[in-house]
Amino acid sequence: MSMQRKIRIKDIAEMSGVSPGTVDRIIHNRGRVSEEARLAVEEVLKRVNYRPNIHITGLSLRREYKVIITTPHVMEGEYWESIHQGIQKALQEYENIRIKCSVYT
């Protein structure tokens, strides 16, 4: 596989000799699959260094994530201000995943 092309479940299925549905069940650990299929898929996952796309996973599973963060009181120019800015940046970057974040100081 080329480094430029993201490997898909369909590609893993072809390389493993199983259906895309079987690969999906193994990756997301749901449903029953044969041990033979699991071993074949896991071998391909290792070989291609597969990493799931959390953006796609979060959208497709329609999950909502709830995060509570507690920090000391924030004053301008202090260390914790940069932490709060980082939290806001992360929430913007992952806005396509349903994340409900509450920050308490």
PDB file of N, CA and C in Angstrom:
ATOM      1  N   MET A   1       0.837  -1.198   0.000  1.00  0.00           N
ATOM      2  CA  MET A   1       0.000   0.000   0.000  1.00  0.00           C
ATOM      3  C   MET A   1       0.872   1.247   0.000  1.00  0.00           C
ATOM      4  N   SER A   2       0.514   2.186  -0.776  1.00  0.00           N
ATOM      5  CA  SER A   2       1.215   3.460  -0.827  1.00  0.00           C
ATOM      6  C   SER A   2       0.970   4.237   0.464  1.00  0.00           C
ATOM      7  N   MET A   3       1.965   4.976   0.902  1.00  0.00           N
ATOM      8  CA  MET A   3       1.838   5.778   2.120  1.00  0.00           C
ATOM      9  C   MET A   3       0.821   6.901   1.924  1.00  0.00           C
ATOM     10  N   GLN A   4       0.618   7.322   0.661  1.00  0.00           N
ATOM     11  CA  GLN A   4      -0.264   8.450   0.402  1.00  0.00           C
ATOM     12  C   GLN A   4      -1.734   8.051   0.460  1.00  0.00           C
ATOM     13  N   ARG A   5      -2.031   6.797   0.230  1.00  0.00           N
ATOM     14  CA  ARG A   5      -3.423   6.368   0.184  1.00  0.00           C
ATOM     15  C   ARG A   5      -3.828   5.749   1.514  1.00  0.00           C
ATOM     16  N   LYS A   6      -4.928   6.213   2.060  1.00  0.00           N
ATOM     17  CA  LYS A   6      -5.451   5.683   3.314  1.00  0.00           C
ATOM     18  C   LYS A   6      -6.060   4.317   3.049  1.00  0.00           C
ATOM     19  N   ILE A   7      -5.666   3.340   3.848  1.00  0.00           N
ATOM     20  CA  ILE A   7      -6.210   2.000   3.662  1.00  0.00           C
ATOM     21  C   ILE A   7      -7.645   1.955   4.173  1.00  0.00           C
ATOM     22  N   ARG A   8      -8.490   1.286   3.430  1.00  0.00           N
ATOM     23  CA  ARG A   8      -9.911   1.215   3.770  1.00  0.00           C
ATOM     24  C   ARG A   8     -10.266  -0.180   4.253  1.00  0.00           C
ATOM     25  N   ILE A   9     -11.411  -0.283   4.895  1.00  0.00           N
ATOM     26  CA  ILE A   9     -11.914  -1.580   5.349  1.00  0.00           C
ATOM     27  C   ILE A   9     -12.044  -2.523   4.160  1.00  0.00           C
ATOM     28  N   LYS A  10     -12.475  -2.001   3.037  1.00  0.00           N
ATOM     29  CA  LYS A  10     -12.613  -2.817   1.824  1.00  0.00           C
ATOM     30  C   LYS A  10     -11.259  -3.408   1.413  1.00  0.00           C
ATOM     31  N   ASP A  11     -10.189  -2.605   1.510  1.00  0.00           N
ATOM     32  CA  ASP A  11      -8.851  -3.079   1.170  1.00  0.00           C
ATOM     33  C   ASP A  11      -8.405  -4.189   2.122  1.00  0.00           C
ATOM     34  N   ILE A  12      -8.653  -3.985   3.398  1.00  0.00           N
ATOM     35  CA  ILE A  12      -8.279  -4.990   4.404  1.00  0.00           C
ATOM     36  C   ILE A  12      -9.035  -6.284   4.148  1.00  0.00           C
ATOM     37  N   ALA A  13     -10.310  -6.167   3.790  1.00  0.00           N
ATOM     38  CA  ALA A  13     -11.131  -7.350   3.508  1.00  0.00           C
ATOM     39  C   ALA A  13     -10.539  -8.139   2.340  1.00  0.00           C
ATOM     40  N   GLU A  14     -10.171  -7.447   1.274  1.00  0.00           N
ATOM     41  CA  GLU A  14      -9.587  -8.120   0.106  1.00  0.00           C
ATOM     42  C   GLU A  14      -8.279  -8.804   0.471  1.00  0.00           C
ATOM     43  N   MET A  15      -7.442  -8.126   1.231  1.00  0.00           N
ATOM     44  CA  MET A  15      -6.141  -8.679   1.616  1.00  0.00           C
ATOM     45  C   MET A  15      -6.290  -9.864   2.582  1.00  0.00           C
ATOM     46  N   SER A  16      -7.374  -9.861   3.374  1.00  0.00           N
ATOM     47  CA  SER A  16      -7.602 -10.913   4.367  1.00  0.00           C
ATOM     48  C   SER A  16      -8.409 -12.083   3.827  1.00  0.00           C
ATOM     49  N   GLY A  17      -9.102 -11.858   2.710  1.00  0.00           N
ATOM     50  CA  GLY A  17      -9.962 -12.894   2.160  1.00  0.00           C
ATOM     51  C   GLY A  17     -11.274 -13.042   2.902  1.00  0.00           C
ATOM     52  N   VAL A  18     -11.740 -11.939   3.495  1.00  0.00           N
ATOM     53  CA  VAL A  18     -13.027 -11.944   4.207  1.00  0.00           C
ATOM     54  C   VAL A  18     -13.873 -10.793   3.685  1.00  0.00           C
ATOM     55  N   SER A  19     -15.103 -10.700   4.155  1.00  0.00           N
ATOM     56  CA  SER A  19     -15.980  -9.616   3.708  1.00  0.00           C
ATOM     57  C   SER A  19     -15.683  -8.324   4.478  1.00  0.00           C
ATOM     58  N   PRO A  20     -16.040  -7.173   3.892  1.00  0.00           N
ATOM     59  CA  PRO A  20     -15.889  -5.907   4.618  1.00  0.00           C
ATOM     60  C   PRO A  20     -16.664  -5.902   5.938  1.00  0.00           C
ATOM     61  N   GLY A  21     -17.814  -6.566   5.963  1.00  0.00           N
ATOM     62  CA  GLY A  21     -18.609  -6.642   7.199  1.00  0.00           C
ATOM     63  C   GLY A  21     -17.853  -7.365   8.305  1.00  0.00           C
ATOM     64  N   THR A  22     -17.125  -8.408   7.931  1.00  0.00           N
ATOM     65  CA  THR A  22     -16.334  -9.146   8.913  1.00  0.00           C
ATOM     66  C   THR A  22     -15.213  -8.267   9.457  1.00  0.00           C
ATOM     67  N   VAL A  23     -14.550  -7.533   8.578  1.00  0.00           N
ATOM     68  CA  VAL A  23     -13.483  -6.621   9.015  1.00  0.00           C
ATOM     69  C   VAL A  23     -14.066  -5.578   9.975  1.00  0.00           C
ATOM     70  N   ASP A  24     -15.211  -5.020   9.629  1.00  0.00           N
ATOM     71  CA  ASP A  24     -15.856  -4.020  10.481  1.00  0.00           C
ATOM     72  C   ASP A  24     -16.156  -4.600  11.861  1.00  0.00           C
ATOM     73  N   ARG A  25     -16.689  -5.811  11.904  1.00  0.00           N
ATOM     74  CA  ARG A  25     -17.001  -6.439  13.197  1.00  0.00           C
ATOM     75  C   ARG A  25     -15.739  -6.658  14.031  1.00  0.00           C
ATOM     76  N   ILE A  26     -14.649  -7.012  13.386  1.00  0.00           N
ATOM     77  CA  ILE A  26     -13.398  -7.243  14.108  1.00  0.00           C
ATOM     78  C   ILE A  26     -12.812  -5.921  14.613  1.00  0.00           C
ATOM     79  N   ILE A  27     -12.765  -4.919  13.760  1.00  0.00           N
ATOM     80  CA  ILE A  27     -12.195  -3.622  14.150  1.00  0.00           C
ATOM     81  C   ILE A  27     -12.978  -2.996  15.300  1.00  0.00           C
ATOM     82  N   HIS A  28     -14.306  -3.106  15.249  1.00  0.00           N
ATOM     83  CA  HIS A  28     -15.154  -2.473  16.261  1.00  0.00           C
ATOM     84  C   HIS A  28     -15.577  -3.436  17.365  1.00  0.00           C
ATOM     85  N   ASN A  29     -15.020  -4.651  17.317  1.00  0.00           N
ATOM     86  CA  ASN A  29     -15.256  -5.655  18.351  1.00  0.00           C
ATOM     87  C   ASN A  29     -16.743  -5.864  18.641  1.00  0.00           C
ATOM     88  N   ARG A  30     -17.488  -6.133  17.594  1.00  0.00           N
ATOM     89  CA  ARG A  30     -18.917  -6.399  17.776  1.00  0.00           C
ATOM     90  C   ARG A  30     -19.322  -7.541  16.857  1.00  0.00           C
ATOM     91  N   GLY A  31     -20.178  -8.362  17.351  1.00  0.00           N
ATOM     92  CA  GLY A  31     -20.640  -9.500  16.562  1.00  0.00           C
ATOM     93  C   GLY A  31     -19.642 -10.649  16.588  1.00  0.00           C
ATOM     94  N   ARG A  32     -20.083 -11.776  16.092  1.00  0.00           N
ATOM     95  CA  ARG A  32     -19.254 -12.975  16.095  1.00  0.00           C
ATOM     96  C   ARG A  32     -18.530 -13.146  14.767  1.00  0.00           C
ATOM     97  N   VAL A  33     -17.287 -13.586  14.870  1.00  0.00           N
ATOM     98  CA  VAL A  33     -16.507 -13.937  13.680  1.00  0.00           C
ATOM     99  C   VAL A  33     -15.685 -15.169  14.026  1.00  0.00           C
ATOM    100  N   SER A  34     -15.330 -15.922  13.002  1.00  0.00           N
ATOM    101  CA  SER A  34     -14.526 -17.118  13.238  1.00  0.00           C
ATOM    102  C   SER A  34     -13.117 -16.714  13.675  1.00  0.00           C
ATOM    103  N   GLU A  35     -12.483 -17.605  14.419  1.00  0.00           N
ATOM    104  CA  GLU A  35     -11.110 -17.346  14.866  1.00  0.00           C
ATOM    105  C   GLU A  35     -10.178 -17.220  13.664  1.00  0.00           C
ATOM    106  N   GLU A  36     -10.431 -18.020  12.642  1.00  0.00           N
ATOM    107  CA  GLU A  36      -9.618 -17.977  11.423  1.00  0.00           C
ATOM    108  C   GLU A  36      -9.699 -16.595  10.764  1.00  0.00           C
ATOM    109  N   ALA A  37     -10.923 -16.052  10.662  1.00  0.00           N
ATOM    110  CA  ALA A  37     -11.111 -14.732  10.065  1.00  0.00           C
ATOM    111  C   ALA A  37     -10.446 -13.665  10.924  1.00  0.00           C
ATOM    112  N   ARG A  38     -10.623 -13.761  12.241  1.00  0.00           N
ATOM    113  CA  ARG A  38     -10.029 -12.776  13.145  1.00  0.00           C
ATOM    114  C   ARG A  38      -8.507 -12.751  13.000  1.00  0.00           C
ATOM    115  N   LEU A  39      -7.884 -13.917  12.974  1.00  0.00           N
ATOM    116  CA  LEU A  39      -6.427 -13.994  12.841  1.00  0.00           C
ATOM    117  C   LEU A  39      -5.958 -13.411  11.512  1.00  0.00           C
ATOM    118  N   ALA A  40      -6.686 -13.722  10.430  1.00  0.00           N
ATOM    119  CA  ALA A  40      -6.316 -13.211   9.101  1.00  0.00           C
ATOM    120  C   ALA A  40      -6.397 -11.691   9.064  1.00  0.00           C
ATOM    121  N   VAL A  41      -7.470 -11.142   9.604  1.00  0.00           N
ATOM    122  CA  VAL A  41      -7.652  -9.684   9.605  1.00  0.00           C
ATOM    123  C   VAL A  41      -6.617  -9.020  10.508  1.00  0.00           C
ATOM    124  N   GLU A  42      -6.406  -9.566  11.694  1.00  0.00           N
ATOM    125  CA  GLU A  42      -5.433  -8.970  12.611  1.00  0.00           C
ATOM    126  C   GLU A  42      -4.034  -8.966  12.012  1.00  0.00           C
ATOM    127  N   GLU A  43      -3.682 -10.005  11.270  1.00  0.00           N
ATOM    128  CA  GLU A  43      -2.377 -10.059  10.609  1.00  0.00           C
ATOM    129  C   GLU A  43      -2.248  -8.931   9.579  1.00  0.00           C
ATOM    130  N   VAL A  44      -3.294  -8.729   8.784  1.00  0.00           N
ATOM    131  CA  VAL A  44      -3.271  -7.647   7.786  1.00  0.00           C
ATOM    132  C   VAL A  44      -3.220  -6.286   8.489  1.00  0.00           C
ATOM    133  N   LEU A  45      -3.985  -6.115   9.564  1.00  0.00           N
ATOM    134  CA  LEU A  45      -3.978  -4.846  10.294  1.00  0.00           C
ATOM    135  C   LEU A  45      -2.574  -4.509  10.783  1.00  0.00           C
ATOM    136  N   LYS A  46      -1.865  -5.505  11.290  1.00  0.00           N
ATOM    137  CA  LYS A  46      -0.485  -5.289  11.746  1.00  0.00           C
ATOM    138  C   LYS A  46       0.425  -4.944  10.576  1.00  0.00           C
ATOM    139  N   ARG A  47       0.290  -5.708   9.512  1.00  0.00           N
ATOM    140  CA  ARG A  47       1.178  -5.536   8.350  1.00  0.00           C
ATOM    141  C   ARG A  47       1.055  -4.152   7.729  1.00  0.00           C
ATOM    142  N   VAL A  48      -0.164  -3.626   7.665  1.00  0.00           N
ATOM    143  CA  VAL A  48      -0.375  -2.314   7.029  1.00  0.00           C
ATOM    144  C   VAL A  48      -0.370  -1.168   8.042  1.00  0.00           C
ATOM    145  N   ASN A  49      -0.136  -1.523   9.321  1.00  0.00           N
ATOM    146  CA  ASN A  49      -0.106  -0.520  10.388  1.00  0.00           C
ATOM    147  C   ASN A  49      -1.395   0.307  10.391  1.00  0.00           C
ATOM    148  N   TYR A  50      -2.523  -0.382  10.376  1.00  0.00           N
ATOM    149  CA  TYR A  50      -3.837   0.262  10.294  1.00  0.00           C
ATOM    150  C   TYR A  50      -4.137   1.091  11.534  1.00  0.00           C
ATOM    151  N   ARG A  51      -4.605   2.298  11.321  1.00  0.00           N
ATOM    152  CA  ARG A  51      -5.070   3.185  12.386  1.00  0.00           C
ATOM    153  C   ARG A  51      -6.448   3.685  11.990  1.00  0.00           C
ATOM    154  N   PRO A  52      -7.460   3.407  12.819  1.00  0.00           N
ATOM    155  CA  PRO A  52      -8.803   3.878  12.462  1.00  0.00           C
ATOM    156  C   PRO A  52      -8.875   5.393  12.454  1.00  0.00           C
ATOM    157  N   ASN A  53      -9.696   5.929  11.583  1.00  0.00           N
ATOM    158  CA  ASN A  53      -9.922   7.367  11.501  1.00  0.00           C
ATOM    159  C   ASN A  53     -10.973   7.731  12.542  1.00  0.00           C
ATOM    160  N   ILE A  54     -10.561   8.431  13.599  1.00  0.00           N
ATOM    161  CA  ILE A  54     -11.506   8.719  14.677  1.00  0.00           C
ATOM    162  C   ILE A  54     -12.627   9.645  14.240  1.00  0.00           C
ATOM    163  N   HIS A  55     -12.381  10.465  13.226  1.00  0.00           N
ATOM    164  CA  HIS A  55     -13.446  11.338  12.737  1.00  0.00           C
ATOM    165  C   HIS A  55     -14.565  10.496  12.127  1.00  0.00           C
ATOM    166  N   ILE A  56     -14.195   9.556  11.275  1.00  0.00           N
ATOM    167  CA  ILE A  56     -15.183   8.695  10.628  1.00  0.00           C
ATOM    168  C   ILE A  56     -15.867   7.808  11.660  1.00  0.00           C
ATOM    169  N   THR A  57     -15.071   7.220  12.559  1.00  0.00           N
ATOM    170  CA  THR A  57     -15.631   6.338  13.579  1.00  0.00           C
ATOM    171  C   THR A  57     -16.636   7.089  14.438  1.00  0.00           C
ATOM    172  N   GLY A  58     -16.279   8.283  14.870  1.00  0.00           N
ATOM    173  CA  GLY A  58     -17.171   9.069  15.712  1.00  0.00           C
ATOM    174  C   GLY A  58     -18.468   9.424  15.015  1.00  0.00           C
ATOM    175  N   LEU A  59     -18.372   9.719  13.731  1.00  0.00           N
ATOM    176  CA  LEU A  59     -19.572  10.069  12.972  1.00  0.00           C
ATOM    177  C   LEU A  59     -20.429   8.853  12.697  1.00  0.00           C
ATOM    178  N   SER A  60     -19.773   7.754  12.291  1.00  0.00           N
ATOM    179  CA  SER A  60     -20.549   6.592  11.886  1.00  0.00           C
ATOM    180  C   SER A  60     -21.227   5.912  13.063  1.00  0.00           C
ATOM    181  N   LEU A  61     -20.639   5.981  14.236  1.00  0.00           N
ATOM    182  CA  LEU A  61     -21.240   5.341  15.398  1.00  0.00           C
ATOM    183  C   LEU A  61     -22.253   6.251  16.086  1.00  0.00           C
ATOM    184  N   ARG A  62     -22.320   7.486  15.645  1.00  0.00           N
ATOM    185  CA  ARG A  62     -23.254   8.463  16.187  1.00  0.00           C
ATOM    186  C   ARG A  62     -23.166   8.564  17.714  1.00  0.00           C
ATOM    187  N   ARG A  63     -21.976   8.466  18.212  1.00  0.00           N
ATOM    188  CA  ARG A  63     -21.763   8.572  19.645  1.00  0.00           C
ATOM    189  C   ARG A  63     -21.598  10.027  20.037  1.00  0.00           C
ATOM    190  N   GLU A  64     -21.919  10.286  21.287  1.00  0.00           N
ATOM    191  CA  GLU A  64     -21.648  11.599  21.848  1.00  0.00           C
ATOM    192  C   GLU A  64     -20.654  11.389  22.982  1.00  0.00           C
ATOM    193  N   TYR A  65     -19.632  12.195  22.989  1.00  0.00           N
ATOM    194  CA  TYR A  65     -18.614  12.090  24.022  1.00  0.00           C
ATOM    195  C   TYR A  65     -18.798  13.241  24.993  1.00  0.00           C
ATOM    196  N   LYS A  66     -18.755  12.942  26.278  1.00  0.00           N
ATOM    197  CA  LYS A  66     -18.888  13.964  27.312  1.00  0.00           C
ATOM    198  C   LYS A  66     -17.578  14.018  28.079  1.00  0.00           C
ATOM    199  N   VAL A  67     -17.002  15.202  28.128  1.00  0.00           N
ATOM    200  CA  VAL A  67     -15.723  15.399  28.790  1.00  0.00           C
ATOM    201  C   VAL A  67     -15.875  16.520  29.810  1.00  0.00           C
ATOM    202  N   ILE A  68     -15.398  16.260  31.020  1.00  0.00           N
ATOM    203  CA  ILE A  68     -15.390  17.292  32.058  1.00  0.00           C
ATOM    204  C   ILE A  68     -13.933  17.556  32.399  1.00  0.00           C
ATOM    205  N   ILE A  69     -13.553  18.824  32.370  1.00  0.00           N
ATOM    206  CA  ILE A  69     -12.182  19.216  32.654  1.00  0.00           C
ATOM    207  C   ILE A  69     -12.201  20.186  33.826  1.00  0.00           C
ATOM    208  N   THR A  70     -11.337  19.942  34.802  1.00  0.00           N
ATOM    209  CA  THR A  70     -11.210  20.864  35.927  1.00  0.00           C
ATOM    210  C   THR A  70      -9.786  21.394  35.952  1.00  0.00           C
ATOM    211  N   THR A  71      -9.675  22.701  36.140  1.00  0.00           N
ATOM    212  CA  THR A  71      -8.369  23.352  36.217  1.00  0.00           C
ATOM    213  C   THR A  71      -8.431  24.438  37.278  1.00  0.00           C
ATOM    214  N   PRO A  72      -7.268  24.922  37.704  1.00  0.00           N
ATOM    215  CA  PRO A  72      -7.276  26.094  38.584  1.00  0.00           C
ATOM    216  C   PRO A  72      -7.850  27.305  37.843  1.00  0.00           C
ATOM    217  N   HIS A  73      -8.188  28.330  38.585  1.00  0.00           N
ATOM    218  CA  HIS A  73      -8.702  29.573  38.002  1.00  0.00           C
ATOM    219  C   HIS A  73      -7.711  30.105  36.972  1.00  0.00           C
ATOM    220  N   VAL A  74      -8.222  30.626  35.876  1.00  0.00           N
ATOM    221  CA  VAL A  74      -7.372  31.083  34.778  1.00  0.00           C
ATOM    222  C   VAL A  74      -7.216  32.595  34.829  1.00  0.00           C
ATOM    223  N   MET A  75      -5.957  33.024  34.778  1.00  0.00           N
ATOM    224  CA  MET A  75      -5.664  34.457  34.683  1.00  0.00           C
ATOM    225  C   MET A  75      -4.845  34.673  33.415  1.00  0.00           C
ATOM    226  N   GLU A  76      -5.064  35.803  32.770  1.00  0.00           N
ATOM    227  CA  GLU A  76      -4.382  36.106  31.511  1.00  0.00           C
ATOM    228  C   GLU A  76      -2.859  36.026  31.667  1.00  0.00           C
ATOM    229  N   GLY A  77      -2.232  35.343  30.701  1.00  0.00           N
ATOM    230  CA  GLY A  77      -0.783  35.232  30.693  1.00  0.00           C
ATOM    231  C   GLY A  77      -0.217  34.094  31.526  1.00  0.00           C
ATOM    232  N   GLU A  78      -1.044  33.425  32.274  1.00  0.00           N
ATOM    233  CA  GLU A  78      -0.567  32.322  33.106  1.00  0.00           C
ATOM    234  C   GLU A  78      -0.622  31.005  32.346  1.00  0.00           C
ATOM    235  N   TYR A  79       0.031  30.015  32.919  1.00  0.00           N
ATOM    236  CA  TYR A  79       0.118  28.675  32.324  1.00  0.00           C
ATOM    237  C   TYR A  79      -1.246  28.125  31.923  1.00  0.00           C
ATOM    238  N   TRP A  80      -2.224  28.203  32.806  1.00  0.00           N
ATOM    239  CA  TRP A  80      -3.519  27.573  32.540  1.00  0.00           C
ATOM    240  C   TRP A  80      -4.282  28.237  31.404  1.00  0.00           C
ATOM    241  N   GLU A  81      -3.934  29.482  31.085  1.00  0.00           N
ATOM    242  CA  GLU A  81      -4.570  30.135  29.940  1.00  0.00           C
ATOM    243  C   GLU A  81      -4.242  29.364  28.661  1.00  0.00           C
ATOM    244  N   SER A  82      -2.979  28.922  28.513  1.00  0.00           N
ATOM    245  CA  SER A  82      -2.598  28.165  27.311  1.00  0.00           C
ATOM    246  C   SER A  82      -3.308  26.810  27.276  1.00  0.00           C
ATOM    247  N   ILE A  83      -3.546  26.225  28.429  1.00  0.00           N
ATOM    248  CA  ILE A  83      -4.282  24.950  28.488  1.00  0.00           C
ATOM    249  C   ILE A  83      -5.709  25.167  27.983  1.00  0.00           C
ATOM    250  N   HIS A  84      -6.353  26.207  28.446  1.00  0.00           N
ATOM    251  CA  HIS A  84      -7.727  26.504  28.012  1.00  0.00           C
ATOM    252  C   HIS A  84      -7.779  26.830  26.521  1.00  0.00           C
ATOM    253  N   GLN A  85      -6.760  27.520  26.025  1.00  0.00           N
ATOM    254  CA  GLN A  85      -6.705  27.801  24.588  1.00  0.00           C
ATOM    255  C   GLN A  85      -6.553  26.501  23.796  1.00  0.00           C
ATOM    256  N   GLY A  86      -5.747  25.582  24.307  1.00  0.00           N
ATOM    257  CA  GLY A  86      -5.575  24.279  23.656  1.00  0.00           C
ATOM    258  C   GLY A  86      -6.863  23.478  23.637  1.00  0.00           C
ATOM    259  N   ILE A  87      -7.607  23.545  24.722  1.00  0.00           N
ATOM    260  CA  ILE A  87      -8.902  22.850  24.788  1.00  0.00           C
ATOM    261  C   ILE A  87      -9.835  23.401  23.711  1.00  0.00           C
ATOM    262  N   GLN A  88      -9.899  24.724  23.599  1.00  0.00           N
ATOM    263  CA  GLN A  88     -10.776  25.340  22.594  1.00  0.00           C
ATOM    264  C   GLN A  88     -10.339  24.974  21.178  1.00  0.00           C
ATOM    265  N   LYS A  89      -9.033  24.956  20.945  1.00  0.00           N
ATOM    266  CA  LYS A  89      -8.515  24.584  19.624  1.00  0.00           C
ATOM    267  C   LYS A  89      -8.895  23.139  19.286  1.00  0.00           C
ATOM    268  N   ALA A  90      -8.750  22.241  20.256  1.00  0.00           N
ATOM    269  CA  ALA A  90      -9.104  20.833  20.028  1.00  0.00           C
ATOM    270  C   ALA A  90     -10.598  20.678  19.745  1.00  0.00           C
ATOM    271  N   LEU A  91     -11.425  21.408  20.478  1.00  0.00           N
ATOM    272  CA  LEU A  91     -12.870  21.328  20.245  1.00  0.00           C
ATOM    273  C   LEU A  91     -13.231  21.822  18.846  1.00  0.00           C
ATOM    274  N   GLN A  92     -12.545  22.843  18.369  1.00  0.00           N
ATOM    275  CA  GLN A  92     -12.784  23.339  17.012  1.00  0.00           C
ATOM    276  C   GLN A  92     -12.297  22.330  15.974  1.00  0.00           C
ATOM    277  N   GLU A  93     -11.132  21.746  16.223  1.00  0.00           N
ATOM    278  CA  GLU A  93     -10.559  20.795  15.272  1.00  0.00           C
ATOM    279  C   GLU A  93     -11.420  19.545  15.137  1.00  0.00           C
ATOM    280  N   TYR A  94     -12.044  19.126  16.232  1.00  0.00           N
ATOM    281  CA  TYR A  94     -12.853  17.905  16.215  1.00  0.00           C
ATOM    282  C   TYR A  94     -14.348  18.218  16.277  1.00  0.00           C
ATOM    283  N   GLU A  95     -14.740  19.360  15.718  1.00  0.00           N
ATOM    284  CA  GLU A  95     -16.139  19.781  15.804  1.00  0.00           C
ATOM    285  C   GLU A  95     -17.102  18.837  15.086  1.00  0.00           C
ATOM    286  N   ASN A  96     -16.586  18.020  14.151  1.00  0.00           N
ATOM    287  CA  ASN A  96     -17.481  17.098  13.448  1.00  0.00           C
ATOM    288  C   ASN A  96     -17.796  15.857  14.280  1.00  0.00           C
ATOM    289  N   ILE A  97     -17.156  15.731  15.428  1.00  0.00           N
ATOM    290  CA  ILE A  97     -17.486  14.654  16.368  1.00  0.00           C
ATOM    291  C   ILE A  97     -18.258  15.309  17.497  1.00  0.00           C
ATOM    292  N   ARG A  98     -19.323  14.673  17.915  1.00  0.00           N
ATOM    293  CA  ARG A  98     -20.145  15.264  18.969  1.00  0.00           C
ATOM    294  C   ARG A  98     -19.434  15.140  20.314  1.00  0.00           C
ATOM    295  N   ILE A  99     -18.837  16.251  20.732  1.00  0.00           N
ATOM    296  CA  ILE A  99     -18.148  16.302  22.020  1.00  0.00           C
ATOM    297  C   ILE A  99     -18.792  17.414  22.847  1.00  0.00           C
ATOM    298  N   LYS A 100     -19.286  17.024  23.996  1.00  0.00           N
ATOM    299  CA  LYS A 100     -19.816  18.018  24.923  1.00  0.00           C
ATOM    300  C   LYS A 100     -18.751  18.179  26.013  1.00  0.00           C
ATOM    301  N   CYS A 101     -18.176  19.361  26.083  1.00  0.00           N
ATOM    302  CA  CYS A 101     -17.072  19.609  27.008  1.00  0.00           C
ATOM    303  C   CYS A 101     -17.500  20.662  28.020  1.00  0.00           C
ATOM    304  N   SER A 102     -17.319  20.325  29.295  1.00  0.00           N
ATOM    305  CA  SER A 102     -17.565  21.281  30.359  1.00  0.00           C
ATOM    306  C   SER A 102     -16.238  21.534  31.064  1.00  0.00           C
ATOM    307  N   VAL A 103     -15.894  22.819  31.204  1.00  0.00           N
ATOM    308  CA  VAL A 103     -14.638  23.185  31.865  1.00  0.00           C
ATOM    309  C   VAL A 103     -14.999  23.930  33.142  1.00  0.00           C
ATOM    310  N   TYR A 104     -14.470  23.429  34.248  1.00  0.00           N
ATOM    311  CA  TYR A 104     -14.712  24.060  35.553  1.00  0.00           C
ATOM    312  C   TYR A 104     -13.387  24.526  36.146  1.00  0.00           C
ATOM    313  N   THR A 105     -13.401  25.733  36.681  1.00  0.00           N
ATOM    314  CA  THR A 105     -12.193  26.247  37.343  1.00  0.00           C
ATOM    315  C   THR A 105     -12.469  26.391  38.816  1.00  0.00           C
TER     316      THR A 105
END
